[in-house]
Structures are given as structure tokens and as C-alpha cells.
Amino acid sequence: MRVFILAAACLVGLAGDASFASAEDWVARVKRVSGEAYVERNGARAPLVVGDRLPASAVVITGPASGAGLTFRDNTRAAIGQNGRLVLADYAFEPGRSSGDARLEAGLEQGAAAFVSGRVTQRRPGAMQVRTPAALLGVRGTTFLAVSGQPLDR
């Protein structure tokens, strides 16, 4: 009997880990996954699942021939291509709060990602930043593609 209760408690605990963020602290929701895609946080890695809520500090990783789509709370959208690594560095957006608090900071460490900015940049132009190893993009409100990885040949 004790073994069964312990096993059930472990299953409940694992099911609770599928979504890394509680209802209050999530910054983006997974809308699309194709192929191999993972979320990493505090050294723990789990498969990325449609519907997962991701907190700031989560890292989205895609494998070969894979991709993922995220929608942030302010309706900013990101599509991460194959062999990508996107860090959700910092995020603040609450409807009805001061525009001085709005910000979205992400790091595209590897791969390519397309972005459509949402209400963060409508509220405060320049509040969205995407950092790559080679550049820092300050976004004032637009649709754009960022690519990070091997340096371009000259």
C-alpha cells in the first residue's frame, strides 16, 4: 500500500513539473512544437509541450528539423527554427500598469527566430530587446528575423 501511494505521489509531482511556471509568473505560452524541442530551467530539461507556460529565465531549445512557436502575455510572438536556443531573460507586462514597467528581453544564442512585437513595444517603444552573440536589437515595434550562429564569411 505504501509503495502505491508513493508511486502515485511521484506521478502527481512529475505531472506538475510539465509546466514550469505557475499561473501568476508565466511570460510565454507554447503554441506550436514540431520535432525535438525542450525547455530548460535551473539545469532541468523537459520536452516542450503545446500549452506549457514558460517563466522568465527559461531556455527554449530546438533540435534538427524542429521548431517551436511562443506567444508572450502581451501578444508578442516568436517562432524558433531548427537548432535554436532562445533564452527568456526578462519580462514585465501587466495590463493596466504603467508603461515604464513594460519590457521584454530575450537572448538568441543559436539558430534563427522570427518575432512579431506585441503590446510591450506599443506601450513603450524600445522596451523589447533581443541579444545575439554579435548584436543587441532594440525593437520599437515591428516584425523581424534574427539569426545567430556561425559568423558570416567575408
C-alpha atoms as a PDB file:
ATOM      1  CA  MET A   1       0.000   0.000   0.000  1.00  0.00           C
ATOM      2  CA  ARG A   2       2.785   2.443   0.879  1.00  0.00           C
ATOM      3  CA  VAL A   3       4.574   1.727  -2.408  1.00  0.00           C
ATOM      4  CA  PHE A   4       1.408   2.531  -4.371  1.00  0.00           C
ATOM      5  CA  ILE A   5       0.850   5.819  -2.515  1.00  0.00           C
ATOM      6  CA  LEU A   6       4.487   6.836  -3.033  1.00  0.00           C
ATOM      7  CA  ALA A   7       4.298   5.958  -6.740  1.00  0.00           C
ATOM      8  CA  ALA A   8       1.070   7.953  -7.113  1.00  0.00           C
ATOM      9  CA  ALA A   9       2.627  10.930  -5.327  1.00  0.00           C
ATOM     10  CA  CYS A  10       5.647  10.777  -7.667  1.00  0.00           C
ATOM     11  CA  LEU A  11       3.389  10.697 -10.725  1.00  0.00           C
ATOM     12  CA  VAL A  12       1.439  13.696  -9.452  1.00  0.00           C
ATOM     13  CA  GLY A  13       4.714  15.516  -8.788  1.00  0.00           C
ATOM     14  CA  LEU A  14       6.011  14.783 -12.288  1.00  0.00           C
ATOM     15  CA  ALA A  15       2.762  15.891 -13.875  1.00  0.00           C
ATOM     16  CA  GLY A  16       3.039  19.181 -12.017  1.00  0.00           C
ATOM     17  CA  ASP A  17       6.536  19.747 -13.458  1.00  0.00           C
ATOM     18  CA  ALA A  18       5.340  19.622 -17.080  1.00  0.00           C
ATOM     19  CA  SER A  19       4.555  23.328 -16.974  1.00  0.00           C
ATOM     20  CA  PHE A  20       7.442  25.166 -15.362  1.00  0.00           C
ATOM     21  CA  ALA A  21       5.504  28.291 -14.339  1.00  0.00           C
ATOM     22  CA  SER A  22       2.515  28.897 -12.121  1.00  0.00           C
ATOM     23  CA  ALA A  23      -0.475  30.860 -13.321  1.00  0.00           C
ATOM     24  CA  GLU A  24       0.980  34.073 -11.881  1.00  0.00           C
ATOM     25  CA  ASP A  25       4.567  34.066 -13.138  1.00  0.00           C
ATOM     26  CA  TRP A  26       4.476  32.768 -16.708  1.00  0.00           C
ATOM     27  CA  VAL A  27       5.691  35.038 -19.503  1.00  0.00           C
ATOM     28  CA  ALA A  28       5.049  32.952 -22.628  1.00  0.00           C
ATOM     29  CA  ARG A  29       2.882  30.048 -23.663  1.00  0.00           C
ATOM     30  CA  VAL A  30       3.945  27.341 -26.120  1.00  0.00           C
ATOM     31  CA  LYS A  31       1.645  27.440 -29.146  1.00  0.00           C
ATOM     32  CA  ARG A  32       3.438  25.111 -31.572  1.00  0.00           C
ATOM     33  CA  VAL A  33       6.069  22.375 -31.401  1.00  0.00           C
ATOM     34  CA  SER A  34       7.465  20.283 -34.241  1.00  0.00           C
ATOM     35  CA  GLY A  35      10.223  17.716 -33.923  1.00  0.00           C
ATOM     36  CA  GLU A  36      12.535  17.742 -30.903  1.00  0.00           C
ATOM     37  CA  ALA A  37      12.085  20.763 -28.648  1.00  0.00           C
ATOM     38  CA  TYR A  38      12.879  21.245 -24.974  1.00  0.00           C
ATOM     39  CA  VAL A  39      12.581  23.765 -22.182  1.00  0.00           C
ATOM     40  CA  GLU A  40      15.435  24.129 -19.746  1.00  0.00           C
ATOM     41  CA  ARG A  41      15.309  25.874 -16.381  1.00  0.00           C
ATOM     42  CA  ASN A  42      17.689  25.667 -13.428  1.00  0.00           C
ATOM     43  CA  GLY A  43      19.547  22.789 -15.072  1.00  0.00           C
ATOM     44  CA  ALA A  44      16.401  20.691 -15.578  1.00  0.00           C
ATOM     45  CA  ARG A  45      15.361  19.846 -19.141  1.00  0.00           C
ATOM     46  CA  ALA A  46      11.906  18.665 -20.194  1.00  0.00           C
ATOM     47  CA  PRO A  47      10.171  18.148 -23.541  1.00  0.00           C
ATOM     48  CA  LEU A  48       8.409  21.283 -24.768  1.00  0.00           C
ATOM     49  CA  VAL A  49       4.650  20.677 -24.941  1.00  0.00           C
ATOM     50  CA  VAL A  50       1.936  22.794 -26.548  1.00  0.00           C
ATOM     51  CA  GLY A  51       0.179  24.684 -23.747  1.00  0.00           C
ATOM     52  CA  ASP A  52       3.214  24.853 -21.434  1.00  0.00           C
ATOM     53  CA  ARG A  53       3.607  28.156 -19.589  1.00  0.00           C
ATOM     54  CA  LEU A  54       7.201  29.341 -19.504  1.00  0.00           C
ATOM     55  CA  PRO A  55       8.728  31.649 -16.880  1.00  0.00           C
ATOM     56  CA  ALA A  56      11.407  34.272 -17.379  1.00  0.00           C
ATOM     57  CA  SER A  57      14.794  32.511 -17.240  1.00  0.00           C
ATOM     58  CA  ALA A  58      13.539  29.502 -19.232  1.00  0.00           C
ATOM     59  CA  VAL A  59      15.545  28.430 -22.274  1.00  0.00           C
ATOM     60  CA  VAL A  60      13.790  27.017 -25.347  1.00  0.00           C
ATOM     61  CA  ILE A  61      15.932  24.573 -27.320  1.00  0.00           C
ATOM     62  CA  THR A  62      15.056  23.076 -30.707  1.00  0.00           C
ATOM     63  CA  GLY A  63      16.805  20.200 -32.458  1.00  0.00           C
ATOM     64  CA  PRO A  64      17.488  19.466 -36.128  1.00  0.00           C
ATOM     65  CA  ALA A  65      14.450  19.814 -38.399  1.00  0.00           C
ATOM     66  CA  SER A  66      12.468  21.126 -35.399  1.00  0.00           C
ATOM     67  CA  GLY A  67      10.756  24.341 -34.357  1.00  0.00           C
ATOM     68  CA  ALA A  68       8.643  25.994 -31.699  1.00  0.00           C
ATOM     69  CA  GLY A  69       6.194  28.872 -31.517  1.00  0.00           C
ATOM     70  CA  LEU A  70       5.656  31.027 -28.420  1.00  0.00           C
ATOM     71  CA  THR A  71       3.122  33.735 -27.613  1.00  0.00           C
ATOM     72  CA  PHE A  72       4.013  36.113 -24.787  1.00  0.00           C
ATOM     73  CA  ARG A  73       1.446  37.631 -22.424  1.00  0.00           C
ATOM     74  CA  ASP A  74       1.436  40.905 -24.377  1.00  0.00           C
ATOM     75  CA  ASN A  75       0.828  39.015 -27.663  1.00  0.00           C
ATOM     76  CA  THR A  76       4.436  39.214 -28.874  1.00  0.00           C
ATOM     77  CA  ARG A  77       5.060  36.110 -30.941  1.00  0.00           C
ATOM     78  CA  ALA A  78       8.298  34.205 -31.538  1.00  0.00           C
ATOM     79  CA  ALA A  79       8.943  31.319 -33.928  1.00  0.00           C
ATOM     80  CA  ILE A  80      12.204  29.491 -33.245  1.00  0.00           C
ATOM     81  CA  GLY A  81      13.722  27.469 -36.074  1.00  0.00           C
ATOM     82  CA  GLN A  82      15.855  24.344 -36.079  1.00  0.00           C
ATOM     83  CA  ASN A  83      18.909  24.032 -33.848  1.00  0.00           C
ATOM     84  CA  GLY A  84      17.793  27.106 -31.922  1.00  0.00           C
ATOM     85  CA  ARG A  85      18.419  28.298 -28.408  1.00  0.00           C
ATOM     86  CA  LEU A  86      16.290  31.183 -27.105  1.00  0.00           C
ATOM     87  CA  VAL A  87      16.702  32.475 -23.540  1.00  0.00           C
ATOM     88  CA  LEU A  88      13.717  34.265 -21.987  1.00  0.00           C
ATOM     89  CA  ALA A  89      15.864  36.666 -19.993  1.00  0.00           C
ATOM     90  CA  ASP A  90      13.462  39.238 -18.512  1.00  0.00           C
ATOM     91  CA  TYR A  91       9.820  40.151 -18.959  1.00  0.00           C
ATOM     92  CA  ALA A  92       7.358  42.544 -17.391  1.00  0.00           C
ATOM     93  CA  PHE A  93       3.901  43.303 -18.723  1.00  0.00           C
ATOM     94  CA  GLU A  94       0.646  43.670 -16.878  1.00  0.00           C
ATOM     95  CA  PRO A  95      -2.445  45.174 -18.473  1.00  0.00           C
ATOM     96  CA  GLY A  96      -3.395  48.402 -16.731  1.00  0.00           C
ATOM     97  CA  ARG A  97       0.050  49.052 -15.241  1.00  0.00           C
ATOM     98  CA  SER A  98       2.395  51.907 -16.049  1.00  0.00           C
ATOM     99  CA  SER A  99       4.197  51.749 -19.395  1.00  0.00           C
ATOM    100  CA  GLY A 100       7.515  52.287 -17.586  1.00  0.00           C
ATOM    101  CA  ASP A 101       7.310  48.716 -16.290  1.00  0.00           C
ATOM    102  CA  ALA A 102       6.871  47.055 -19.697  1.00  0.00           C
ATOM    103  CA  ARG A 103       9.899  45.165 -21.070  1.00  0.00           C
ATOM    104  CA  LEU A 104      10.813  42.007 -22.933  1.00  0.00           C
ATOM    105  CA  GLU A 105      14.413  40.814 -23.094  1.00  0.00           C
ATOM    106  CA  ALA A 106      15.423  37.629 -24.879  1.00  0.00           C
ATOM    107  CA  GLY A 107      18.706  36.123 -25.975  1.00  0.00           C
ATOM    108  CA  LEU A 108      19.005  34.255 -29.257  1.00  0.00           C
ATOM    109  CA  GLU A 109      22.154  32.268 -28.568  1.00  0.00           C
ATOM    110  CA  GLN A 110      21.874  29.981 -31.586  1.00  0.00           C
ATOM    111  CA  GLY A 111      19.716  29.459 -34.667  1.00  0.00           C
ATOM    112  CA  ALA A 112      17.079  31.709 -36.183  1.00  0.00           C
ATOM    113  CA  ALA A 113      13.887  33.181 -34.781  1.00  0.00           C
ATOM    114  CA  ALA A 114      11.160  35.369 -36.248  1.00  0.00           C
ATOM    115  CA  PHE A 115       9.407  37.851 -33.980  1.00  0.00           C
ATOM    116  CA  VAL A 116       6.225  39.911 -34.174  1.00  0.00           C
ATOM    117  CA  SER A 117       6.246  42.521 -31.434  1.00  0.00           C
ATOM    118  CA  GLY A 118       3.169  42.950 -29.276  1.00  0.00           C
ATOM    119  CA  ARG A 119       1.837  45.416 -26.733  1.00  0.00           C
ATOM    120  CA  VAL A 120       5.157  45.851 -24.876  1.00  0.00           C
ATOM    121  CA  THR A 121       6.511  47.927 -27.781  1.00  0.00           C
ATOM    122  CA  GLN A 122       3.174  49.659 -28.332  1.00  0.00           C
ATOM    123  CA  ARG A 123       3.248  50.761 -24.730  1.00  0.00           C
ATOM    124  CA  ARG A 124       6.931  51.686 -24.660  1.00  0.00           C
ATOM    125  CA  PRO A 125       8.896  51.700 -27.935  1.00  0.00           C
ATOM    126  CA  GLY A 126      12.347  50.213 -27.402  1.00  0.00           C
ATOM    127  CA  ALA A 127      11.220  48.111 -24.426  1.00  0.00           C
ATOM    128  CA  MET A 128      11.886  44.897 -26.346  1.00  0.00           C
ATOM    129  CA  GLN A 129      15.465  43.726 -26.779  1.00  0.00           C
ATOM    130  CA  VAL A 130      16.852  40.631 -28.461  1.00  0.00           C
ATOM    131  CA  ARG A 131      20.506  39.908 -27.792  1.00  0.00           C
ATOM    132  CA  THR A 132      22.646  37.732 -30.054  1.00  0.00           C
ATOM    133  CA  PRO A 133      26.361  36.975 -29.647  1.00  0.00           C
ATOM    134  CA  ALA A 134      27.070  39.668 -32.255  1.00  0.00           C
ATOM    135  CA  ALA A 135      24.434  42.344 -31.649  1.00  0.00           C
ATOM    136  CA  LEU A 136      21.738  43.805 -29.422  1.00  0.00           C
ATOM    137  CA  LEU A 137      18.493  44.589 -31.242  1.00  0.00           C
ATOM    138  CA  GLY A 138      16.337  47.298 -29.706  1.00  0.00           C
ATOM    139  CA  VAL A 139      12.820  46.785 -31.030  1.00  0.00           C
ATOM    140  CA  ARG A 140      10.437  49.687 -31.402  1.00  0.00           C
ATOM    141  CA  GLY A 141       7.561  47.665 -32.844  1.00  0.00           C
ATOM    142  CA  THR A 142       7.887  45.514 -35.925  1.00  0.00           C
ATOM    143  CA  THR A 143       8.209  42.070 -37.438  1.00  0.00           C
ATOM    144  CA  PHE A 144      11.791  40.846 -37.798  1.00  0.00           C
ATOM    145  CA  LEU A 145      14.040  37.821 -38.168  1.00  0.00           C
ATOM    146  CA  ALA A 146      17.184  37.328 -36.092  1.00  0.00           C
ATOM    147  CA  VAL A 147      19.879  34.775 -36.924  1.00  0.00           C
ATOM    148  CA  SER A 148      22.665  33.693 -34.604  1.00  0.00           C
ATOM    149  CA  GLY A 149      25.338  31.070 -35.026  1.00  0.00           C
ATOM    150  CA  GLN A 150      28.280  30.731 -37.323  1.00  0.00           C
ATOM    151  CA  PRO A 151      29.888  34.040 -38.337  1.00  0.00           C
ATOM    152  CA  LEU A 152      29.289  35.180 -41.890  1.00  0.00           C
ATOM    153  CA  ASP A 153      32.162  34.764 -44.368  1.00  0.00           C
ATOM    154  CA  ARG A 154      33.623  37.986 -45.688  1.00  0.00           C
END
